[in-house]
N, C-alpha and C. Protein backbone atom coordinates (compact mmCIF):
# COMPACT_ATOMS: atom_id res chain seq x y z
N MET A 1 134.28 169.09 74.22
CA MET A 1 133.64 168.13 73.35
C MET A 1 133.84 168.53 71.88
N ASP A 2 134.13 167.58 71.04
CA ASP A 2 134.37 167.82 69.62
C ASP A 2 133.03 168.11 68.91
N PRO A 3 132.91 169.28 68.27
CA PRO A 3 131.65 169.63 67.62
C PRO A 3 131.45 168.96 66.25
N ARG A 4 132.43 168.19 65.80
CA ARG A 4 132.34 167.57 64.47
C ARG A 4 131.49 166.31 64.52
N THR A 5 130.58 166.19 63.57
CA THR A 5 129.80 164.98 63.39
C THR A 5 130.23 164.34 62.09
N ALA A 6 130.04 163.04 61.98
CA ALA A 6 130.47 162.33 60.79
C ALA A 6 129.42 162.42 59.68
N PRO A 7 129.86 162.70 58.46
CA PRO A 7 128.91 162.69 57.34
C PRO A 7 128.54 161.25 56.98
N THR A 8 127.35 161.07 56.43
CA THR A 8 126.95 159.75 55.94
C THR A 8 127.64 159.50 54.59
N ARG A 9 127.62 158.25 54.15
CA ARG A 9 128.20 157.92 52.84
C ARG A 9 127.48 158.68 51.74
N ALA A 10 126.17 158.79 51.83
CA ALA A 10 125.40 159.53 50.83
C ALA A 10 125.81 161.00 50.80
N GLN A 11 126.05 161.59 51.97
CA GLN A 11 126.49 163.00 52.03
C GLN A 11 127.89 163.15 51.44
N ILE A 12 128.77 162.21 51.73
CA ILE A 12 130.14 162.25 51.17
C ILE A 12 130.07 162.22 49.65
N LEU A 13 129.28 161.32 49.10
CA LEU A 13 129.17 161.20 47.65
C LEU A 13 128.53 162.44 47.02
N ALA A 14 127.53 162.99 47.67
CA ALA A 14 126.89 164.21 47.16
C ALA A 14 127.87 165.39 47.17
N MET A 15 128.65 165.51 48.24
CA MET A 15 129.63 166.60 48.32
C MET A 15 130.69 166.44 47.24
N LEU A 16 131.19 165.23 47.06
CA LEU A 16 132.23 164.98 46.04
C LEU A 16 131.68 165.17 44.64
N ASP A 17 130.45 164.81 44.41
CA ASP A 17 129.84 165.01 43.10
C ASP A 17 129.78 166.51 42.77
N ARG A 18 129.44 167.31 43.76
CA ARG A 18 129.39 168.77 43.53
C ARG A 18 130.80 169.33 43.30
N ALA A 19 131.79 168.83 44.03
CA ALA A 19 133.18 169.28 43.82
C ALA A 19 133.65 168.86 42.43
N HIS A 20 133.25 167.67 41.99
CA HIS A 20 133.63 167.19 40.66
C HIS A 20 133.02 168.08 39.57
N ALA A 21 131.77 168.47 39.73
CA ALA A 21 131.14 169.39 38.78
C ALA A 21 131.90 170.72 38.73
N LEU A 22 132.36 171.16 39.86
CA LEU A 22 133.15 172.40 39.93
C LEU A 22 134.49 172.22 39.22
N ALA A 23 135.12 171.06 39.37
CA ALA A 23 136.37 170.77 38.67
C ALA A 23 136.15 170.77 37.15
N GLN A 24 135.01 170.24 36.71
CA GLN A 24 134.69 170.26 35.29
C GLN A 24 134.54 171.68 34.79
N ARG A 25 133.89 172.54 35.57
CA ARG A 25 133.74 173.95 35.18
C ARG A 25 135.10 174.65 35.15
N ALA A 26 135.97 174.32 36.09
CA ALA A 26 137.32 174.91 36.09
C ALA A 26 138.05 174.52 34.81
N MET A 27 137.94 173.26 34.42
CA MET A 27 138.60 172.79 33.20
C MET A 27 138.02 173.49 31.97
N GLN A 28 136.72 173.65 31.92
CA GLN A 28 136.08 174.33 30.80
C GLN A 28 136.50 175.79 30.71
N ALA A 29 136.88 176.36 31.84
CA ALA A 29 137.36 177.75 31.87
C ALA A 29 138.85 177.86 31.58
N GLY A 30 139.51 176.71 31.31
CA GLY A 30 140.93 176.72 30.96
C GLY A 30 141.87 176.51 32.12
N HIS A 31 141.35 176.11 33.26
CA HIS A 31 142.17 175.87 34.45
C HIS A 31 142.36 174.38 34.68
N HIS A 32 143.28 174.04 35.56
CA HIS A 32 143.47 172.63 35.94
C HIS A 32 142.17 172.12 36.56
N PRO A 33 141.81 170.84 36.33
CA PRO A 33 140.51 170.33 36.77
C PRO A 33 140.45 169.89 38.24
N PHE A 34 140.50 170.87 39.11
CA PHE A 34 140.37 170.63 40.55
C PHE A 34 139.25 171.51 41.07
N GLY A 35 138.45 170.96 41.97
CA GLY A 35 137.37 171.73 42.58
C GLY A 35 137.33 171.47 44.08
N ALA A 36 137.00 172.50 44.84
CA ALA A 36 136.94 172.38 46.30
C ALA A 36 135.72 173.12 46.83
N LEU A 37 135.17 172.58 47.90
CA LEU A 37 134.03 173.17 48.58
C LEU A 37 134.33 173.29 50.06
N LEU A 38 133.74 174.27 50.69
CA LEU A 38 133.69 174.32 52.15
C LEU A 38 132.26 174.01 52.51
N VAL A 39 132.06 172.92 53.25
CA VAL A 39 130.71 172.47 53.59
C VAL A 39 130.49 172.66 55.08
N ALA A 40 129.33 173.18 55.40
CA ALA A 40 128.95 173.46 56.79
C ALA A 40 128.84 172.17 57.61
N PRO A 41 128.76 172.30 58.93
CA PRO A 41 128.66 171.12 59.80
C PRO A 41 127.47 170.20 59.52
N ASP A 42 126.45 170.69 58.79
CA ASP A 42 125.31 169.82 58.46
C ASP A 42 125.62 168.87 57.30
N HIS A 43 126.82 169.01 56.70
CA HIS A 43 127.31 168.17 55.61
C HIS A 43 126.51 168.35 54.32
N GLU A 44 125.74 169.43 54.23
CA GLU A 44 124.94 169.69 53.04
C GLU A 44 125.06 171.13 52.54
N THR A 45 125.13 172.08 53.43
CA THR A 45 125.18 173.49 53.05
C THR A 45 126.58 173.84 52.58
N VAL A 46 126.68 174.34 51.36
CA VAL A 46 127.98 174.75 50.81
C VAL A 46 128.19 176.22 51.14
N LEU A 47 129.26 176.50 51.87
CA LEU A 47 129.58 177.86 52.29
C LEU A 47 130.45 178.58 51.26
N LEU A 48 131.35 177.84 50.61
CA LEU A 48 132.25 178.41 49.60
C LEU A 48 132.53 177.36 48.54
N GLU A 49 132.76 177.82 47.32
CA GLU A 49 133.20 176.97 46.21
C GLU A 49 134.42 177.60 45.59
N GLN A 50 135.35 176.76 45.11
CA GLN A 50 136.54 177.30 44.46
C GLN A 50 137.08 176.31 43.44
N GLY A 51 137.23 176.75 42.21
CA GLY A 51 137.92 175.97 41.20
C GLY A 51 139.39 176.32 41.23
N ASN A 52 140.19 175.51 40.56
CA ASN A 52 141.62 175.78 40.52
C ASN A 52 141.88 177.07 39.75
N VAL A 53 142.88 177.83 40.18
CA VAL A 53 143.25 179.08 39.52
C VAL A 53 144.46 178.83 38.63
N ASP A 54 145.54 178.34 39.25
CA ASP A 54 146.76 178.04 38.49
C ASP A 54 147.64 177.12 39.32
N SER A 55 148.88 176.93 38.89
CA SER A 55 149.78 175.97 39.55
C SER A 55 150.17 176.37 40.97
N VAL A 56 149.97 177.62 41.34
CA VAL A 56 150.31 178.09 42.68
C VAL A 56 149.05 178.34 43.51
N ASN A 57 148.00 178.76 42.87
CA ASN A 57 146.75 179.06 43.56
C ASN A 57 145.77 177.90 43.37
N HIS A 58 146.04 176.84 44.12
CA HIS A 58 145.20 175.65 44.05
C HIS A 58 143.84 175.94 44.66
N ALA A 59 142.83 175.22 44.19
CA ALA A 59 141.46 175.42 44.66
C ALA A 59 141.37 175.35 46.18
N GLU A 60 142.01 174.33 46.77
CA GLU A 60 141.89 174.11 48.21
C GLU A 60 142.55 175.23 49.02
N ALA A 61 143.72 175.67 48.60
CA ALA A 61 144.43 176.72 49.34
C ALA A 61 143.70 178.05 49.23
N VAL A 62 143.24 178.39 48.03
CA VAL A 62 142.49 179.64 47.85
C VAL A 62 141.22 179.60 48.70
N LEU A 63 140.52 178.46 48.68
CA LEU A 63 139.30 178.32 49.47
C LEU A 63 139.60 178.44 50.97
N ALA A 64 140.64 177.77 51.45
CA ALA A 64 140.96 177.82 52.89
C ALA A 64 141.33 179.23 53.33
N ARG A 65 142.06 179.95 52.48
CA ARG A 65 142.41 181.33 52.85
C ARG A 65 141.17 182.22 52.93
N GLU A 66 140.27 182.05 51.96
CA GLU A 66 139.04 182.85 51.98
C GLU A 66 138.16 182.45 53.16
N ALA A 67 138.11 181.17 53.47
CA ALA A 67 137.33 180.71 54.62
C ALA A 67 137.87 181.33 55.92
N ALA A 68 139.20 181.37 56.05
CA ALA A 68 139.81 181.95 57.25
C ALA A 68 139.54 183.45 57.34
N ARG A 69 139.41 184.09 56.21
CA ARG A 69 139.10 185.52 56.20
C ARG A 69 137.65 185.76 56.64
N ARG A 70 136.75 184.86 56.23
CA ARG A 70 135.32 185.07 56.47
C ARG A 70 134.81 184.51 57.80
N TYR A 71 135.43 183.44 58.28
CA TYR A 71 134.89 182.72 59.44
C TYR A 71 135.94 182.59 60.54
N SER A 72 135.47 182.44 61.75
CA SER A 72 136.38 182.25 62.90
C SER A 72 136.87 180.81 62.93
N PRO A 73 137.99 180.56 63.62
CA PRO A 73 138.45 179.18 63.78
C PRO A 73 137.38 178.27 64.39
N ALA A 74 136.62 178.76 65.36
CA ALA A 74 135.57 177.94 65.99
C ALA A 74 134.48 177.58 64.99
N GLU A 75 134.16 178.51 64.08
CA GLU A 75 133.15 178.21 63.06
C GLU A 75 133.67 177.22 62.02
N LEU A 76 134.96 177.27 61.72
CA LEU A 76 135.53 176.41 60.68
C LEU A 76 135.82 174.99 61.16
N TRP A 77 136.12 174.82 62.42
CA TRP A 77 136.54 173.50 62.90
C TRP A 77 135.54 172.38 62.56
N PRO A 78 134.23 172.57 62.71
CA PRO A 78 133.30 171.49 62.38
C PRO A 78 132.95 171.40 60.89
N CYS A 79 133.54 172.25 60.07
CA CYS A 79 133.28 172.24 58.63
C CYS A 79 134.15 171.21 57.93
N THR A 80 133.85 170.99 56.66
CA THR A 80 134.59 170.03 55.85
C THR A 80 135.06 170.70 54.57
N LEU A 81 136.34 170.52 54.26
CA LEU A 81 136.87 170.91 52.97
C LEU A 81 136.73 169.67 52.08
N VAL A 82 136.00 169.80 51.00
CA VAL A 82 135.76 168.69 50.08
C VAL A 82 136.50 168.99 48.79
N THR A 83 137.27 168.03 48.32
CA THR A 83 138.06 168.25 47.12
C THR A 83 138.15 166.98 46.29
N THR A 84 138.28 167.15 45.00
CA THR A 84 138.30 166.00 44.11
C THR A 84 139.56 165.17 44.28
N VAL A 85 140.68 165.82 44.57
CA VAL A 85 141.97 165.14 44.69
C VAL A 85 142.57 165.47 46.05
N GLU A 86 143.22 164.50 46.65
CA GLU A 86 143.88 164.69 47.95
C GLU A 86 144.68 165.99 47.96
N PRO A 87 144.52 166.81 48.99
CA PRO A 87 145.27 168.05 49.05
C PRO A 87 146.78 167.83 49.06
N CYS A 88 147.48 168.63 48.29
CA CYS A 88 148.95 168.59 48.31
C CYS A 88 149.43 169.18 49.64
N ALA A 89 150.71 169.19 49.84
CA ALA A 89 151.28 169.69 51.10
C ALA A 89 150.91 171.15 51.34
N MET A 90 150.95 171.97 50.27
CA MET A 90 150.59 173.39 50.42
C MET A 90 149.13 173.53 50.85
N CYS A 91 148.26 172.80 50.19
CA CYS A 91 146.83 172.92 50.47
C CYS A 91 146.46 172.35 51.83
N ALA A 92 147.04 171.20 52.18
CA ALA A 92 146.79 170.62 53.49
C ALA A 92 147.29 171.55 54.59
N GLY A 93 148.45 172.13 54.39
CA GLY A 93 148.98 173.07 55.38
C GLY A 93 148.09 174.29 55.52
N THR A 94 147.58 174.80 54.42
CA THR A 94 146.68 175.96 54.47
C THR A 94 145.39 175.60 55.18
N GLN A 95 144.86 174.41 54.91
CA GLN A 95 143.66 173.95 55.60
C GLN A 95 143.92 173.84 57.10
N TYR A 96 145.06 173.29 57.45
CA TYR A 96 145.44 173.13 58.86
C TYR A 96 145.45 174.49 59.56
N TRP A 97 146.13 175.46 58.95
CA TRP A 97 146.24 176.78 59.56
C TRP A 97 144.90 177.52 59.57
N ALA A 98 144.03 177.24 58.61
CA ALA A 98 142.70 177.86 58.59
C ALA A 98 141.78 177.26 59.65
N HIS A 99 142.13 176.08 60.16
CA HIS A 99 141.39 175.41 61.23
C HIS A 99 140.11 174.74 60.72
N ILE A 100 140.18 174.21 59.48
CA ILE A 100 139.06 173.44 58.93
C ILE A 100 139.33 171.99 59.33
N GLY A 101 138.47 171.43 60.17
CA GLY A 101 138.77 170.19 60.88
C GLY A 101 138.66 168.88 60.12
N ARG A 102 138.16 168.91 58.89
CA ARG A 102 138.02 167.65 58.15
C ARG A 102 138.24 167.91 56.68
N VAL A 103 138.79 166.90 56.00
CA VAL A 103 138.89 166.92 54.54
C VAL A 103 138.28 165.63 54.00
N VAL A 104 137.58 165.76 52.89
CA VAL A 104 137.07 164.62 52.12
C VAL A 104 137.64 164.77 50.72
N TYR A 105 138.24 163.69 50.21
CA TYR A 105 138.77 163.76 48.84
C TYR A 105 138.44 162.50 48.06
N GLY A 106 138.39 162.66 46.73
CA GLY A 106 138.01 161.57 45.86
C GLY A 106 139.13 160.61 45.53
N ILE A 107 140.22 161.12 44.94
CA ILE A 107 141.36 160.26 44.60
C ILE A 107 142.61 160.78 45.31
N ASP A 108 143.56 159.87 45.54
CA ASP A 108 144.76 160.28 46.27
C ASP A 108 145.82 160.86 45.34
N GLU A 109 146.79 161.49 45.96
CA GLU A 109 147.87 162.16 45.24
C GLU A 109 148.67 161.18 44.38
N HIS A 110 148.86 159.97 44.86
CA HIS A 110 149.60 158.95 44.11
C HIS A 110 148.88 158.61 42.80
N THR A 111 147.56 158.50 42.86
CA THR A 111 146.77 158.24 41.66
C THR A 111 146.89 159.41 40.69
N LEU A 112 146.85 160.62 41.21
CA LEU A 112 147.01 161.81 40.36
C LEU A 112 148.35 161.78 39.65
N LEU A 113 149.41 161.42 40.36
CA LEU A 113 150.73 161.35 39.75
C LEU A 113 150.73 160.37 38.59
N GLY A 114 150.05 159.24 38.73
CA GLY A 114 149.95 158.28 37.65
C GLY A 114 149.23 158.84 36.44
N LEU A 115 148.32 159.79 36.66
CA LEU A 115 147.57 160.39 35.57
C LEU A 115 148.31 161.54 34.91
N THR A 116 149.10 162.29 35.69
CA THR A 116 149.79 163.47 35.14
C THR A 116 151.21 163.15 34.70
N GLY A 117 151.80 162.10 35.28
CA GLY A 117 153.20 161.83 34.98
C GLY A 117 154.07 162.97 35.46
N ASN A 118 155.14 163.20 34.76
CA ASN A 118 156.09 164.24 35.13
C ASN A 118 155.74 165.57 34.45
N HIS A 119 154.49 165.97 34.56
CA HIS A 119 154.03 167.19 33.90
C HIS A 119 154.53 168.41 34.66
N PRO A 120 155.15 169.37 33.96
CA PRO A 120 155.71 170.54 34.65
C PRO A 120 154.66 171.42 35.33
N GLU A 121 153.40 171.32 34.93
CA GLU A 121 152.35 172.11 35.56
C GLU A 121 151.81 171.46 36.83
N ASN A 122 152.23 170.22 37.10
CA ASN A 122 151.74 169.54 38.28
C ASN A 122 152.83 168.66 38.89
N PRO A 123 153.87 169.30 39.44
CA PRO A 123 154.96 168.52 40.06
C PRO A 123 154.52 167.96 41.42
N THR A 124 153.81 166.84 41.36
CA THR A 124 153.19 166.23 42.53
C THR A 124 154.22 165.91 43.62
N LEU A 125 153.86 166.22 44.85
CA LEU A 125 154.68 165.87 46.01
C LEU A 125 154.17 164.56 46.58
N ALA A 126 155.07 163.65 46.88
CA ALA A 126 154.68 162.37 47.47
C ALA A 126 154.59 162.52 48.99
N LEU A 127 153.60 163.29 49.44
CA LEU A 127 153.39 163.52 50.86
C LEU A 127 151.89 163.48 51.14
N PRO A 128 151.37 162.33 51.50
CA PRO A 128 149.94 162.24 51.79
C PRO A 128 149.52 163.22 52.88
N CYS A 129 148.31 163.76 52.74
CA CYS A 129 147.85 164.75 53.71
C CYS A 129 147.76 164.16 55.11
N ARG A 130 147.48 162.88 55.23
CA ARG A 130 147.43 162.25 56.56
C ARG A 130 148.79 162.37 57.27
N GLU A 131 149.86 162.19 56.51
CA GLU A 131 151.20 162.32 57.10
C GLU A 131 151.48 163.75 57.53
N LEU A 132 151.10 164.71 56.70
CA LEU A 132 151.30 166.11 57.05
C LEU A 132 150.49 166.45 58.30
N PHE A 133 149.22 166.08 58.32
CA PHE A 133 148.38 166.38 59.49
C PHE A 133 148.89 165.69 60.75
N ALA A 134 149.45 164.50 60.63
CA ALA A 134 149.96 163.76 61.79
C ALA A 134 151.10 164.50 62.48
N ARG A 135 151.77 165.40 61.76
CA ARG A 135 152.88 166.18 62.34
C ARG A 135 152.39 167.38 63.13
N GLY A 136 151.12 167.68 63.01
CA GLY A 136 150.57 168.85 63.69
C GLY A 136 150.01 168.53 65.06
N GLN A 137 149.37 169.52 65.65
CA GLN A 137 148.83 169.40 67.00
C GLN A 137 147.32 169.30 67.03
N LYS A 138 146.69 169.20 65.85
CA LYS A 138 145.24 169.15 65.76
C LYS A 138 144.80 167.77 65.28
N ASP A 139 143.64 167.35 65.72
CA ASP A 139 143.07 166.08 65.30
C ASP A 139 142.29 166.28 64.00
N MET A 140 143.02 166.37 62.90
CA MET A 140 142.41 166.58 61.59
C MET A 140 141.80 165.27 61.11
N GLN A 141 140.57 165.31 60.66
CA GLN A 141 139.90 164.11 60.15
C GLN A 141 140.06 164.04 58.64
N VAL A 142 140.36 162.85 58.13
CA VAL A 142 140.56 162.65 56.70
C VAL A 142 139.67 161.51 56.24
N ILE A 143 138.87 161.79 55.22
CA ILE A 143 138.05 160.77 54.57
C ILE A 143 138.45 160.74 53.10
N GLY A 144 139.02 159.64 52.67
CA GLY A 144 139.43 159.50 51.28
C GLY A 144 140.57 158.53 51.18
N PRO A 145 140.79 157.99 50.02
CA PRO A 145 140.03 158.22 48.80
C PRO A 145 138.66 157.56 48.87
N VAL A 146 137.78 157.99 47.97
CA VAL A 146 136.41 157.48 47.92
C VAL A 146 136.26 156.71 46.60
N PRO A 147 136.28 155.38 46.67
CA PRO A 147 136.30 154.56 45.45
C PRO A 147 135.14 154.82 44.48
N GLU A 148 133.97 155.15 45.00
CA GLU A 148 132.81 155.38 44.14
C GLU A 148 133.01 156.56 43.19
N MET A 149 133.90 157.48 43.51
CA MET A 149 134.12 158.67 42.67
C MET A 149 135.40 158.56 41.86
N ALA A 150 136.20 157.55 42.09
CA ALA A 150 137.54 157.46 41.50
C ALA A 150 137.53 157.51 39.98
N GLU A 151 136.70 156.73 39.34
CA GLU A 151 136.74 156.66 37.87
C GLU A 151 136.31 157.98 37.23
N ALA A 152 135.28 158.60 37.73
CA ALA A 152 134.83 159.88 37.15
C ALA A 152 135.91 160.95 37.30
N ILE A 153 136.53 161.03 38.46
CA ILE A 153 137.57 162.04 38.68
C ILE A 153 138.80 161.72 37.83
N ALA A 154 139.21 160.45 37.80
CA ALA A 154 140.38 160.05 37.01
C ALA A 154 140.14 160.30 35.52
N ALA A 155 138.93 160.03 35.03
CA ALA A 155 138.63 160.25 33.61
C ALA A 155 138.78 161.72 33.24
N LEU A 156 138.33 162.61 34.10
CA LEU A 156 138.47 164.04 33.85
C LEU A 156 139.94 164.43 33.78
N HIS A 157 140.74 163.92 34.69
CA HIS A 157 142.17 164.23 34.70
C HIS A 157 142.90 163.61 33.50
N ARG A 158 142.55 162.39 33.14
CA ARG A 158 143.17 161.78 31.95
C ARG A 158 142.93 162.65 30.73
N ARG A 159 141.68 163.06 30.56
CA ARG A 159 141.33 163.90 29.41
C ARG A 159 142.10 165.22 29.43
N TYR A 160 142.15 165.85 30.59
CA TYR A 160 142.83 167.15 30.69
C TYR A 160 144.33 167.04 30.46
N TRP A 161 145.01 166.16 31.18
CA TRP A 161 146.46 166.12 31.13
C TRP A 161 146.99 165.57 29.81
N ARG A 162 146.21 164.73 29.16
CA ARG A 162 146.62 164.25 27.82
C ARG A 162 146.54 165.35 26.77
N SER A 163 145.71 166.35 27.03
CA SER A 163 145.55 167.44 26.07
C SER A 163 146.60 168.53 26.25
N ARG A 164 147.40 168.44 27.29
CA ARG A 164 148.39 169.48 27.60
C ARG A 164 149.71 169.24 26.90
């Protein structure tokens, strides 16, 4: 039996709001404005937080690696990786291998590309995480994009990438 339960819309929005606040703190610290959380199966308890580090150490990948170090695959499967922007191929792959069974994201990779353009610090891959997960052997759950958070997340990215 699958131990994953579905989060409510209110829980999804609360998780994304917290990830967005983390992305804002990452930007204020001089990093790319991405934030990620590992949320427990209750959809409320935050187990880990991670802001973006740099162009190679994305928030989601760093978080998934640390989660895999701290927790067993069985503990991670019912958890949710929450991120402001759809995980890139590297991050989705890291989440897959860490065995975190669900991702929630605010805006999709295509929207991010429209905001960053051909910026050398963010060479976006046109590979939706759903497509990457579909190639695997696990039933990865994907919730996103979430329209209620789109403008706030996009505004943060517009401000950041225009200043670069």
